[in-house]
Amino acid sequence: MRQRFPGTAVRYLQADFTQPVELPPLDGIVFANALHFQVEQEAVVRLLRGYLRPGGRLILVEYNIEHGNFAVPYPVPFTNWQRMAAGAGFEHTKVLARRPSSFFHEIYSALSW
């Protein structure tokens, strides 16, 4: 990472993202393939939003499916993400990309700020 992005500071931390963690205000968060394991998704999104500085951004990567299954028990289709992001205080949300998934229809990335 350091070689590819020499001007970027990255700090790795192993923690439970459903519990508060002491962090400085962050510029951004990448949250990939994790929210669909949480029953209390809105609480997790509010917690993550609280780590961001004003104007901070969150990139979400999730499956765009409506019904859960053994691998994605609590799916987050994009329409649900828009609602959750707005409820957590994000003023803007847009899809960055959509890709077919060989497992569950489609996977998407979204940017919220």
N, C-alpha and C. Protein backbone atom coordinates (compact mmCIF):
# COMPACT_ATOMS: atom_id res chain seq x y z
N MET A 1 0.82 -1.18 0.00
CA MET A 1 0.00 0.00 0.00
C MET A 1 0.87 1.25 0.00
N ARG A 2 1.88 1.24 0.83
CA ARG A 2 2.75 2.41 0.95
C ARG A 2 3.46 2.72 -0.37
N GLN A 3 3.88 1.68 -1.10
CA GLN A 3 4.56 1.89 -2.37
C GLN A 3 3.61 2.44 -3.44
N ARG A 4 2.41 1.94 -3.45
CA ARG A 4 1.46 2.35 -4.48
C ARG A 4 0.86 3.73 -4.21
N PHE A 5 0.66 4.06 -2.93
CA PHE A 5 0.06 5.34 -2.54
C PHE A 5 0.93 6.00 -1.47
N PRO A 6 2.09 6.51 -1.85
CA PRO A 6 3.04 7.03 -0.86
C PRO A 6 2.54 8.24 -0.07
N GLY A 7 1.61 9.01 -0.60
CA GLY A 7 1.12 10.18 0.12
C GLY A 7 -0.09 9.90 1.00
N THR A 8 -0.46 8.64 1.13
CA THR A 8 -1.66 8.28 1.88
C THR A 8 -1.28 7.59 3.18
N ALA A 9 -1.86 8.05 4.27
CA ALA A 9 -1.62 7.41 5.56
C ALA A 9 -2.74 6.40 5.82
N VAL A 10 -2.37 5.17 6.07
CA VAL A 10 -3.33 4.11 6.36
C VAL A 10 -2.96 3.50 7.70
N ARG A 11 -3.96 3.34 8.54
CA ARG A 11 -3.77 2.69 9.83
C ARG A 11 -4.71 1.50 9.90
N TYR A 12 -4.18 0.33 10.08
CA TYR A 12 -4.99 -0.88 10.16
C TYR A 12 -5.32 -1.16 11.62
N LEU A 13 -6.56 -1.53 11.87
CA LEU A 13 -7.02 -1.79 13.22
C LEU A 13 -7.97 -2.97 13.18
N GLN A 14 -7.71 -3.96 14.00
CA GLN A 14 -8.62 -5.09 14.10
C GLN A 14 -9.58 -4.81 15.24
N ALA A 15 -10.88 -4.73 14.93
CA ALA A 15 -11.87 -4.40 15.94
C ALA A 15 -13.24 -4.89 15.50
N ASP A 16 -14.18 -4.90 16.42
CA ASP A 16 -15.57 -5.23 16.14
C ASP A 16 -16.26 -3.96 15.68
N PHE A 17 -16.63 -3.88 14.41
CA PHE A 17 -17.21 -2.65 13.87
C PHE A 17 -18.60 -2.34 14.41
N THR A 18 -19.20 -3.26 15.16
CA THR A 18 -20.51 -2.98 15.74
C THR A 18 -20.40 -2.29 17.10
N GLN A 19 -19.18 -2.18 17.59
CA GLN A 19 -18.93 -1.55 18.89
C GLN A 19 -18.10 -0.28 18.70
N PRO A 20 -18.30 0.73 19.56
CA PRO A 20 -17.52 1.96 19.43
C PRO A 20 -16.01 1.70 19.50
N VAL A 21 -15.28 2.43 18.67
CA VAL A 21 -13.83 2.36 18.62
C VAL A 21 -13.31 3.79 18.69
N GLU A 22 -12.25 4.01 19.44
CA GLU A 22 -11.69 5.35 19.51
C GLU A 22 -10.85 5.62 18.27
N LEU A 23 -11.30 6.57 17.47
CA LEU A 23 -10.62 6.92 16.22
C LEU A 23 -10.59 8.43 16.07
N PRO A 24 -9.59 8.95 15.37
CA PRO A 24 -9.65 10.36 15.01
C PRO A 24 -10.70 10.52 13.91
N PRO A 25 -11.17 11.73 13.64
CA PRO A 25 -12.13 11.91 12.54
C PRO A 25 -11.52 11.41 11.22
N LEU A 26 -12.24 10.58 10.53
CA LEU A 26 -11.75 9.95 9.30
C LEU A 26 -12.22 10.68 8.06
N ASP A 27 -11.40 10.64 7.02
CA ASP A 27 -11.79 11.18 5.71
C ASP A 27 -12.72 10.23 4.99
N GLY A 28 -12.54 8.93 5.21
CA GLY A 28 -13.36 7.97 4.51
C GLY A 28 -13.31 6.59 5.13
N ILE A 29 -14.30 5.79 4.78
CA ILE A 29 -14.41 4.40 5.22
C ILE A 29 -14.82 3.57 4.01
N VAL A 30 -14.18 2.43 3.83
CA VAL A 30 -14.61 1.44 2.84
C VAL A 30 -15.20 0.29 3.64
N PHE A 31 -16.46 -0.02 3.37
CA PHE A 31 -17.20 -1.03 4.12
C PHE A 31 -17.73 -2.05 3.13
N ALA A 32 -17.03 -3.19 3.01
CA ALA A 32 -17.33 -4.14 1.95
C ALA A 32 -17.80 -5.49 2.48
N ASN A 33 -18.94 -5.94 1.97
CA ASN A 33 -19.48 -7.27 2.25
C ASN A 33 -19.52 -7.61 3.74
N ALA A 34 -19.97 -6.65 4.53
CA ALA A 34 -20.05 -6.87 5.97
C ALA A 34 -21.42 -6.52 6.55
N LEU A 35 -22.07 -5.51 6.00
CA LEU A 35 -23.34 -5.05 6.56
C LEU A 35 -24.41 -6.12 6.47
N HIS A 36 -24.34 -6.99 5.45
CA HIS A 36 -25.38 -8.01 5.29
C HIS A 36 -25.34 -9.10 6.36
N PHE A 37 -24.37 -9.05 7.26
CA PHE A 37 -24.32 -9.99 8.38
C PHE A 37 -24.95 -9.41 9.65
N GLN A 38 -25.37 -8.17 9.62
CA GLN A 38 -25.86 -7.47 10.81
C GLN A 38 -27.38 -7.35 10.82
N VAL A 39 -27.99 -7.71 11.94
CA VAL A 39 -29.42 -7.53 12.11
C VAL A 39 -29.72 -6.04 12.31
N GLU A 40 -28.95 -5.38 13.15
CA GLU A 40 -29.14 -3.97 13.49
C GLU A 40 -28.32 -3.09 12.54
N GLN A 41 -28.64 -3.13 11.28
CA GLN A 41 -27.85 -2.43 10.26
C GLN A 41 -27.84 -0.92 10.45
N GLU A 42 -28.98 -0.35 10.78
CA GLU A 42 -29.04 1.11 10.91
C GLU A 42 -28.16 1.61 12.04
N ALA A 43 -28.09 0.87 13.14
CA ALA A 43 -27.22 1.27 14.25
C ALA A 43 -25.75 1.23 13.83
N VAL A 44 -25.38 0.23 13.05
CA VAL A 44 -24.00 0.13 12.55
C VAL A 44 -23.68 1.30 11.63
N VAL A 45 -24.60 1.65 10.75
CA VAL A 45 -24.37 2.75 9.80
C VAL A 45 -24.24 4.07 10.56
N ARG A 46 -25.06 4.29 11.57
CA ARG A 46 -24.95 5.52 12.37
C ARG A 46 -23.60 5.58 13.10
N LEU A 47 -23.16 4.44 13.62
CA LEU A 47 -21.87 4.38 14.29
C LEU A 47 -20.74 4.73 13.31
N LEU A 48 -20.77 4.15 12.12
CA LEU A 48 -19.75 4.44 11.12
C LEU A 48 -19.78 5.91 10.71
N ARG A 49 -20.97 6.45 10.53
CA ARG A 49 -21.10 7.86 10.14
C ARG A 49 -20.45 8.76 11.19
N GLY A 50 -20.56 8.39 12.44
CA GLY A 50 -19.99 9.17 13.52
C GLY A 50 -18.47 9.22 13.51
N TYR A 51 -17.82 8.30 12.81
CA TYR A 51 -16.36 8.31 12.71
C TYR A 51 -15.84 9.28 11.65
N LEU A 52 -16.72 9.73 10.78
CA LEU A 52 -16.30 10.57 9.66
C LEU A 52 -16.26 12.05 10.03
N ARG A 53 -15.28 12.74 9.54
CA ARG A 53 -15.22 14.20 9.69
C ARG A 53 -16.33 14.79 8.82
N PRO A 54 -16.69 16.06 9.02
CA PRO A 54 -17.66 16.69 8.13
C PRO A 54 -17.16 16.58 6.68
N GLY A 55 -18.03 16.15 5.81
CA GLY A 55 -17.65 15.95 4.41
C GLY A 55 -17.01 14.60 4.14
N GLY A 56 -16.85 13.77 5.19
CA GLY A 56 -16.26 12.45 5.01
C GLY A 56 -17.14 11.56 4.16
N ARG A 57 -16.54 10.53 3.58
CA ARG A 57 -17.25 9.66 2.64
C ARG A 57 -17.19 8.20 3.07
N LEU A 58 -18.25 7.50 2.74
CA LEU A 58 -18.31 6.07 3.00
C LEU A 58 -18.59 5.36 1.69
N ILE A 59 -17.77 4.37 1.38
CA ILE A 59 -18.02 3.52 0.22
C ILE A 59 -18.53 2.18 0.74
N LEU A 60 -19.68 1.79 0.25
CA LEU A 60 -20.29 0.51 0.63
C LEU A 60 -20.24 -0.43 -0.56
N VAL A 61 -19.91 -1.68 -0.31
CA VAL A 61 -19.97 -2.74 -1.33
C VAL A 61 -20.88 -3.82 -0.78
N GLU A 62 -21.96 -4.10 -1.51
CA GLU A 62 -22.95 -5.08 -1.05
C GLU A 62 -23.64 -5.76 -2.22
N TYR A 63 -24.32 -6.86 -1.91
CA TYR A 63 -25.14 -7.54 -2.91
C TYR A 63 -26.46 -6.80 -3.06
N ASN A 64 -26.90 -6.67 -4.28
CA ASN A 64 -28.15 -5.98 -4.58
C ASN A 64 -29.27 -7.01 -4.73
N ILE A 65 -29.60 -7.65 -3.61
CA ILE A 65 -30.66 -8.66 -3.61
C ILE A 65 -31.68 -8.30 -2.53
N GLU A 66 -32.88 -8.80 -2.71
CA GLU A 66 -33.98 -8.47 -1.80
C GLU A 66 -34.18 -9.49 -0.67
N HIS A 67 -33.87 -10.76 -0.94
CA HIS A 67 -34.16 -11.82 0.04
C HIS A 67 -32.88 -12.46 0.54
N GLY A 68 -32.81 -12.68 1.83
CA GLY A 68 -31.64 -13.28 2.44
C GLY A 68 -31.51 -14.76 2.16
N ASN A 69 -30.32 -15.27 2.43
CA ASN A 69 -30.03 -16.69 2.28
C ASN A 69 -28.91 -17.02 3.25
N PHE A 70 -28.35 -18.21 3.17
CA PHE A 70 -27.33 -18.63 4.15
C PHE A 70 -26.06 -17.77 4.08
N ALA A 71 -25.71 -17.25 2.93
CA ALA A 71 -24.46 -16.48 2.78
C ALA A 71 -24.65 -14.98 2.96
N VAL A 72 -25.84 -14.52 2.69
CA VAL A 72 -26.18 -13.10 2.83
C VAL A 72 -27.48 -13.03 3.61
N PRO A 73 -27.41 -13.18 4.93
CA PRO A 73 -28.64 -13.32 5.72
C PRO A 73 -29.52 -12.08 5.76
N TYR A 74 -28.92 -10.89 5.72
CA TYR A 74 -29.69 -9.64 5.80
C TYR A 74 -29.24 -8.72 4.68
N PRO A 75 -29.73 -8.97 3.47
CA PRO A 75 -29.24 -8.23 2.31
C PRO A 75 -29.52 -6.73 2.39
N VAL A 76 -28.73 -5.97 1.64
CA VAL A 76 -28.83 -4.51 1.61
C VAL A 76 -28.97 -4.07 0.16
N PRO A 77 -30.16 -4.24 -0.43
CA PRO A 77 -30.32 -3.73 -1.80
C PRO A 77 -30.10 -2.21 -1.80
N PHE A 78 -29.74 -1.69 -2.95
CA PHE A 78 -29.38 -0.28 -3.02
C PHE A 78 -30.48 0.63 -2.49
N THR A 79 -31.73 0.34 -2.75
CA THR A 79 -32.82 1.20 -2.26
C THR A 79 -32.82 1.25 -0.72
N ASN A 80 -32.51 0.12 -0.08
CA ASN A 80 -32.40 0.11 1.39
C ASN A 80 -31.20 0.93 1.84
N TRP A 81 -30.08 0.81 1.10
CA TRP A 81 -28.90 1.58 1.47
C TRP A 81 -29.18 3.09 1.39
N GLN A 82 -29.86 3.52 0.36
CA GLN A 82 -30.19 4.95 0.24
C GLN A 82 -30.95 5.44 1.47
N ARG A 83 -31.92 4.66 1.90
CA ARG A 83 -32.73 5.02 3.06
C ARG A 83 -31.88 5.03 4.34
N MET A 84 -31.07 3.99 4.53
CA MET A 84 -30.23 3.91 5.72
C MET A 84 -29.20 5.04 5.76
N ALA A 85 -28.59 5.30 4.63
CA ALA A 85 -27.57 6.36 4.56
C ALA A 85 -28.19 7.71 4.91
N ALA A 86 -29.34 7.99 4.36
CA ALA A 86 -30.02 9.26 4.66
C ALA A 86 -30.37 9.34 6.15
N GLY A 87 -30.86 8.24 6.70
CA GLY A 87 -31.21 8.19 8.12
C GLY A 87 -30.02 8.39 9.05
N ALA A 88 -28.83 8.06 8.56
CA ALA A 88 -27.61 8.22 9.35
C ALA A 88 -26.98 9.59 9.18
N GLY A 89 -27.57 10.42 8.30
CA GLY A 89 -27.05 11.77 8.15
C GLY A 89 -26.29 12.04 6.87
N PHE A 90 -26.18 11.04 6.00
CA PHE A 90 -25.55 11.29 4.71
C PHE A 90 -26.53 12.05 3.82
N GLU A 91 -26.07 13.12 3.22
CA GLU A 91 -26.94 13.94 2.38
C GLU A 91 -27.02 13.45 0.94
N HIS A 92 -25.99 12.73 0.50
CA HIS A 92 -25.93 12.27 -0.89
C HIS A 92 -25.50 10.81 -0.92
N THR A 93 -26.09 10.06 -1.83
CA THR A 93 -25.70 8.67 -2.06
C THR A 93 -25.85 8.39 -3.55
N LYS A 94 -24.83 7.75 -4.13
CA LYS A 94 -24.93 7.37 -5.54
C LYS A 94 -24.22 6.05 -5.76
N VAL A 95 -24.68 5.33 -6.77
CA VAL A 95 -24.04 4.08 -7.18
C VAL A 95 -22.76 4.42 -7.92
N LEU A 96 -21.69 3.77 -7.55
CA LEU A 96 -20.43 3.93 -8.29
C LEU A 96 -20.33 2.91 -9.41
N ALA A 97 -20.73 1.66 -9.13
CA ALA A 97 -20.66 0.60 -10.14
C ALA A 97 -21.58 -0.54 -9.74
N ARG A 98 -21.99 -1.26 -10.74
CA ARG A 98 -22.77 -2.50 -10.55
C ARG A 98 -22.09 -3.57 -11.39
N ARG A 99 -22.00 -4.76 -10.83
CA ARG A 99 -21.38 -5.88 -11.54
C ARG A 99 -22.23 -7.13 -11.32
N PRO A 100 -22.35 -7.95 -12.35
CA PRO A 100 -23.03 -9.23 -12.14
C PRO A 100 -22.27 -10.07 -11.12
N SER A 101 -22.99 -10.81 -10.33
CA SER A 101 -22.37 -11.70 -9.36
C SER A 101 -22.69 -13.14 -9.75
N SER A 102 -21.70 -13.99 -9.75
CA SER A 102 -21.95 -15.39 -10.07
C SER A 102 -22.67 -16.09 -8.93
N PHE A 103 -22.75 -15.43 -7.76
CA PHE A 103 -23.43 -16.02 -6.61
C PHE A 103 -24.85 -15.49 -6.42
N PHE A 104 -25.01 -14.16 -6.39
CA PHE A 104 -26.30 -13.58 -6.03
C PHE A 104 -26.66 -12.39 -6.89
N HIS A 105 -26.96 -12.61 -8.13
CA HIS A 105 -27.48 -11.61 -9.05
C HIS A 105 -26.51 -10.47 -9.33
N GLU A 106 -26.34 -9.55 -8.39
CA GLU A 106 -25.56 -8.34 -8.67
C GLU A 106 -24.90 -7.84 -7.39
N ILE A 107 -23.72 -7.27 -7.55
CA ILE A 107 -23.04 -6.60 -6.46
C ILE A 107 -22.85 -5.15 -6.87
N TYR A 108 -22.93 -4.23 -5.92
CA TYR A 108 -22.79 -2.81 -6.25
C TYR A 108 -21.85 -2.14 -5.27
N SER A 109 -21.31 -1.02 -5.69
CA SER A 109 -20.60 -0.14 -4.79
C SER A 109 -21.32 1.20 -4.82
N ALA A 110 -21.42 1.81 -3.66
CA ALA A 110 -22.12 3.09 -3.53
C ALA A 110 -21.27 4.05 -2.69
N LEU A 111 -21.37 5.30 -3.02
CA LEU A 111 -20.67 6.35 -2.29
C LEU A 111 -21.70 7.21 -1.57
N SER A 112 -21.49 7.41 -0.28
CA SER A 112 -22.37 8.29 0.50
C SER A 112 -21.51 9.34 1.18
N TRP A 113 -22.01 10.59 1.16
CA TRP A 113 -21.29 11.68 1.81
C TRP A 113 -22.26 12.71 2.32
